Amino acid sequence: MKPDASPVETGGHDPEAALRYRCTRCGACCRWDGYVRVSDEEIARIAALLDLTPEAVRRDYTRLTHDRAGLSLTEKPDGSCVFLADGNVCRIQDAKPRQCKLFPNFWNFSGFRRWCRCLDTWEQAGPEANETNPPAPPDEGASS
């Protein structure tokens, strides 16, 4: 079970540049327990993609977090993300929340590699390649 983790700021890093982990679309992160917090801006993007109103997205696809600090995407009865389709396809890929986009390169939690099948591009390239890559985010493995 995944601890309730929240994304961290990227510290000025470009989320597309020099990423250590490459997603294999295994869908594990879409099945873990925990919140996928969404902002009003993200809800508006999801609504536009699905041709819905933001109110409809809030009503049908979000829930109030237990700490009452915001909204989170809901889950299907099996615990997976409400937007995860067959074949590990994200139905909102083009409007995916920031928290989803940044995992696992800019936030993750201790032990995430036991479930996540992402590829570690630094390990694949060998130690000499790591000298030219930026260091891993300082809070890697830390839960927030």
C-alpha atoms as a PDB file:
ATOM      1  CA  MET A   1       0.000   0.000   0.000  1.00  0.00           C
ATOM      2  CA  LYS A   2       1.342   3.418  -0.950  1.00  0.00           C
ATOM      3  CA  PRO A   3       1.586   6.015   1.766  1.00  0.00           C
ATOM      4  CA  ASP A   4      -0.342   9.199   1.128  1.00  0.00           C
ATOM      5  CA  ALA A   5       2.260  11.140  -0.798  1.00  0.00           C
ATOM      6  CA  SER A   6       1.945  14.563  -2.309  1.00  0.00           C
ATOM      7  CA  PRO A   7       3.979  15.970  -5.165  1.00  0.00           C
ATOM      8  CA  VAL A   8       6.838  18.297  -4.431  1.00  0.00           C
ATOM      9  CA  GLU A   9       7.939  21.329  -6.376  1.00  0.00           C
ATOM     10  CA  THR A  10      10.420  20.646  -9.155  1.00  0.00           C
ATOM     11  CA  GLY A  11      12.901  23.143  -7.766  1.00  0.00           C
ATOM     12  CA  GLY A  12      13.032  24.983 -11.070  1.00  0.00           C
ATOM     13  CA  HIS A  13      13.815  21.834 -13.061  1.00  0.00           C
ATOM     14  CA  ASP A  14      12.111  21.401 -16.413  1.00  0.00           C
ATOM     15  CA  PRO A  15       9.905  18.284 -15.992  1.00  0.00           C
ATOM     16  CA  GLU A  16      10.787  17.228 -19.546  1.00  0.00           C
ATOM     17  CA  ALA A  17      14.567  17.667 -19.307  1.00  0.00           C
ATOM     18  CA  ALA A  18      17.076  15.031 -18.196  1.00  0.00           C
ATOM     19  CA  LEU A  19      14.546  12.713 -16.612  1.00  0.00           C
ATOM     20  CA  ARG A  20      15.980   9.807 -14.687  1.00  0.00           C
ATOM     21  CA  TYR A  21      12.951   7.524 -14.899  1.00  0.00           C
ATOM     22  CA  ARG A  22      11.047   6.698 -18.058  1.00  0.00           C
ATOM     23  CA  CYS A  23       7.440   5.555 -17.751  1.00  0.00           C
ATOM     24  CA  THR A  24       6.584   2.148 -19.223  1.00  0.00           C
ATOM     25  CA  ARG A  25       2.840   2.682 -18.717  1.00  0.00           C
ATOM     26  CA  CYS A  26       2.629  -0.256 -16.301  1.00  0.00           C
ATOM     27  CA  GLY A  27      -0.282   1.492 -14.562  1.00  0.00           C
ATOM     28  CA  ALA A  28       0.966   0.723 -11.040  1.00  0.00           C
ATOM     29  CA  CYS A  29       0.863   4.387  -9.995  1.00  0.00           C
ATOM     30  CA  CYS A  30      -2.761   4.553 -11.171  1.00  0.00           C
ATOM     31  CA  ARG A  31      -3.685   1.741  -8.780  1.00  0.00           C
ATOM     32  CA  TRP A  32      -2.012   2.836  -5.522  1.00  0.00           C
ATOM     33  CA  ASP A  33      -3.914   4.065  -2.520  1.00  0.00           C
ATOM     34  CA  GLY A  34      -3.652   7.765  -1.891  1.00  0.00           C
ATOM     35  CA  TYR A  35      -4.742  11.078  -3.269  1.00  0.00           C
ATOM     36  CA  VAL A  36      -4.337  12.526  -6.718  1.00  0.00           C
ATOM     37  CA  ARG A  37      -4.971  16.110  -5.719  1.00  0.00           C
ATOM     38  CA  VAL A  38      -6.409  18.348  -8.419  1.00  0.00           C
ATOM     39  CA  SER A  39      -6.565  22.115  -8.653  1.00  0.00           C
ATOM     40  CA  ASP A  40      -9.336  24.193 -10.192  1.00  0.00           C
ATOM     41  CA  GLU A  41      -7.084  24.765 -13.208  1.00  0.00           C
ATOM     42  CA  GLU A  42      -6.542  21.013 -13.654  1.00  0.00           C
ATOM     43  CA  ILE A  43     -10.264  20.353 -13.294  1.00  0.00           C
ATOM     44  CA  ALA A  44     -10.931  22.915 -16.028  1.00  0.00           C
ATOM     45  CA  ARG A  45      -8.427  21.189 -18.367  1.00  0.00           C
ATOM     46  CA  ILE A  46      -9.972  17.776 -17.676  1.00  0.00           C
ATOM     47  CA  ALA A  47     -13.438  19.209 -18.276  1.00  0.00           C
ATOM     48  CA  ALA A  48     -12.389  20.735 -21.604  1.00  0.00           C
ATOM     49  CA  LEU A  49     -10.805  17.463 -22.739  1.00  0.00           C
ATOM     50  CA  LEU A  50     -13.906  15.449 -21.808  1.00  0.00           C
ATOM     51  CA  ASP A  51     -16.299  18.103 -23.126  1.00  0.00           C
ATOM     52  CA  LEU A  52     -17.852  18.529 -19.675  1.00  0.00           C
ATOM     53  CA  THR A  53     -18.309  21.454 -17.350  1.00  0.00           C
ATOM     54  CA  PRO A  54     -15.875  21.853 -14.454  1.00  0.00           C
ATOM     55  CA  GLU A  55     -18.868  21.368 -12.140  1.00  0.00           C
ATOM     56  CA  ALA A  56     -19.606  17.984 -13.753  1.00  0.00           C
ATOM     57  CA  VAL A  57     -15.981  16.890 -13.317  1.00  0.00           C
ATOM     58  CA  ARG A  58     -16.030  17.954  -9.656  1.00  0.00           C
ATOM     59  CA  ARG A  59     -19.318  16.147  -9.053  1.00  0.00           C
ATOM     60  CA  ASP A  60     -18.590  12.940 -10.963  1.00  0.00           C
ATOM     61  CA  TYR A  61     -14.811  12.467 -10.708  1.00  0.00           C
ATOM     62  CA  THR A  62     -13.532  14.096  -7.506  1.00  0.00           C
ATOM     63  CA  ARG A  63     -13.936  13.798  -3.757  1.00  0.00           C
ATOM     64  CA  LEU A  64     -13.006  15.942  -0.791  1.00  0.00           C
ATOM     65  CA  THR A  65      -9.737  14.802   0.784  1.00  0.00           C
ATOM     66  CA  HIS A  66      -9.888  13.574   4.385  1.00  0.00           C
ATOM     67  CA  ASP A  67      -7.956  16.606   5.566  1.00  0.00           C
ATOM     68  CA  ARG A  68     -10.553  18.767   3.777  1.00  0.00           C
ATOM     69  CA  ALA A  69      -7.687  20.674   2.128  1.00  0.00           C
ATOM     70  CA  GLY A  70      -8.781  20.063  -1.449  1.00  0.00           C
ATOM     71  CA  LEU A  71     -10.148  17.687  -4.028  1.00  0.00           C
ATOM     72  CA  SER A  72      -8.763  14.379  -5.236  1.00  0.00           C
ATOM     73  CA  LEU A  73      -9.679  12.210  -8.204  1.00  0.00           C
ATOM     74  CA  THR A  74     -11.972   9.358  -7.252  1.00  0.00           C
ATOM     75  CA  GLU A  75     -11.227   5.686  -7.661  1.00  0.00           C
ATOM     76  CA  LYS A  76     -13.056   2.801  -9.286  1.00  0.00           C
ATOM     77  CA  PRO A  77     -14.332   0.014  -6.999  1.00  0.00           C
ATOM     78  CA  ASP A  78     -11.044  -1.876  -7.549  1.00  0.00           C
ATOM     79  CA  GLY A  79      -9.071   1.129  -6.239  1.00  0.00           C
ATOM     80  CA  SER A  80      -7.655   2.248  -9.580  1.00  0.00           C
ATOM     81  CA  CYS A  81      -7.938   5.788 -10.879  1.00  0.00           C
ATOM     82  CA  VAL A  82     -11.332   6.639 -12.305  1.00  0.00           C
ATOM     83  CA  PHE A  83      -9.589   7.633 -15.562  1.00  0.00           C
ATOM     84  CA  LEU A  84      -7.536   4.439 -16.020  1.00  0.00           C
ATOM     85  CA  ALA A  85      -8.870   2.480 -19.003  1.00  0.00           C
ATOM     86  CA  ASP A  86      -8.097  -1.014 -20.292  1.00  0.00           C
ATOM     87  CA  GLY A  87      -4.497  -1.493 -21.378  1.00  0.00           C
ATOM     88  CA  ASN A  88      -3.254   0.986 -18.753  1.00  0.00           C
ATOM     89  CA  VAL A  89      -4.399   3.905 -20.891  1.00  0.00           C
ATOM     90  CA  CYS A  90      -5.033   7.227 -19.176  1.00  0.00           C
ATOM     91  CA  ARG A  91      -8.280   8.669 -20.518  1.00  0.00           C
ATOM     92  CA  ILE A  92      -7.075  12.162 -19.607  1.00  0.00           C
ATOM     93  CA  GLN A  93      -3.445  11.835 -20.750  1.00  0.00           C
ATOM     94  CA  ASP A  94      -3.528  15.229 -22.495  1.00  0.00           C
ATOM     95  CA  ALA A  95      -4.921  16.906 -19.347  1.00  0.00           C
ATOM     96  CA  LYS A  96      -3.274  14.713 -16.738  1.00  0.00           C
ATOM     97  CA  PRO A  97      -2.828  16.366 -13.301  1.00  0.00           C
ATOM     98  CA  ARG A  98       0.599  17.732 -12.387  1.00  0.00           C
ATOM     99  CA  GLN A  99       0.979  15.166  -9.603  1.00  0.00           C
ATOM    100  CA  CYS A 100       0.722  12.371 -12.171  1.00  0.00           C
ATOM    101  CA  LYS A 101       3.063  14.075 -14.630  1.00  0.00           C
ATOM    102  CA  LEU A 102       5.805  14.563 -12.057  1.00  0.00           C
ATOM    103  CA  PHE A 103       5.878  11.012 -10.672  1.00  0.00           C
ATOM    104  CA  PRO A 104       8.441   9.468 -10.160  1.00  0.00           C
ATOM    105  CA  ASN A 105      11.038  11.972 -11.370  1.00  0.00           C
ATOM    106  CA  PHE A 106      10.173  14.874  -9.105  1.00  0.00           C
ATOM    107  CA  TRP A 107       8.390  13.109  -6.277  1.00  0.00           C
ATOM    108  CA  ASN A 108       8.124   9.528  -5.134  1.00  0.00           C
ATOM    109  CA  PHE A 109       8.148   7.544  -1.919  1.00  0.00           C
ATOM    110  CA  SER A 110      10.420   4.997  -0.336  1.00  0.00           C
ATOM    111  CA  GLY A 111       9.945   1.611  -1.981  1.00  0.00           C
ATOM    112  CA  PHE A 112       8.038   2.839  -5.034  1.00  0.00           C
ATOM    113  CA  ARG A 113      10.256   0.735  -7.320  1.00  0.00           C
ATOM    114  CA  ARG A 114       8.776  -2.474  -5.864  1.00  0.00           C
ATOM    115  CA  TRP A 115       5.579  -1.728  -7.809  1.00  0.00           C
ATOM    116  CA  CYS A 116       6.498   0.816 -10.460  1.00  0.00           C
ATOM    117  CA  ARG A 117       8.057  -0.676 -13.588  1.00  0.00           C
ATOM    118  CA  CYS A 118       9.613   2.582 -14.780  1.00  0.00           C
ATOM    119  CA  LEU A 119      12.999   2.333 -16.420  1.00  0.00           C
ATOM    120  CA  ASP A 120      15.946   3.893 -14.646  1.00  0.00           C
ATOM    121  CA  THR A 121      17.700   5.578 -17.560  1.00  0.00           C
ATOM    122  CA  TRP A 122      20.785   6.334 -15.468  1.00  0.00           C
ATOM    123  CA  GLU A 123      21.293   2.643 -14.612  1.00  0.00           C
ATOM    124  CA  GLN A 124      20.841   1.663 -18.261  1.00  0.00           C
ATOM    125  CA  ALA A 125      23.363   4.235 -19.464  1.00  0.00           C
ATOM    126  CA  GLY A 126      26.055   3.111 -17.019  1.00  0.00           C
ATOM    127  CA  PRO A 127      28.037   5.032 -14.402  1.00  0.00           C
ATOM    128  CA  GLU A 128      29.993   7.145 -16.896  1.00  0.00           C
ATOM    129  CA  ALA A 129      26.764   8.611 -18.304  1.00  0.00           C
ATOM    130  CA  ASN A 130      25.663   9.678 -14.833  1.00  0.00           C
ATOM    131  CA  GLU A 131      28.478  12.192 -14.739  1.00  0.00           C
ATOM    132  CA  THR A 132      26.692  14.255 -17.390  1.00  0.00           C
ATOM    133  CA  ASN A 133      23.209  13.852 -15.950  1.00  0.00           C
ATOM    134  CA  PRO A 134      21.916  16.094 -13.182  1.00  0.00           C
ATOM    135  CA  PRO A 135      21.715  14.528  -9.741  1.00  0.00           C
ATOM    136  CA  ALA A 136      18.494  12.912  -8.606  1.00  0.00           C
ATOM    137  CA  PRO A 137      16.048  15.261  -6.868  1.00  0.00           C
ATOM    138  CA  PRO A 138      17.222  15.737  -3.258  1.00  0.00           C
ATOM    139  CA  ASP A 139      14.050  14.306  -1.745  1.00  0.00           C
ATOM    140  CA  GLU A 140      14.014  11.128  -3.839  1.00  0.00           C
ATOM    141  CA  GLY A 141      12.566   8.323  -1.818  1.00  0.00           C
ATOM    142  CA  ALA A 142      11.067  10.707   0.679  1.00  0.00           C
ATOM    143  CA  SER A 143       7.378  10.855   1.236  1.00  0.00           C
ATOM    144  CA  SER A 144       5.798  14.249   1.688  1.00  0.00           C
END
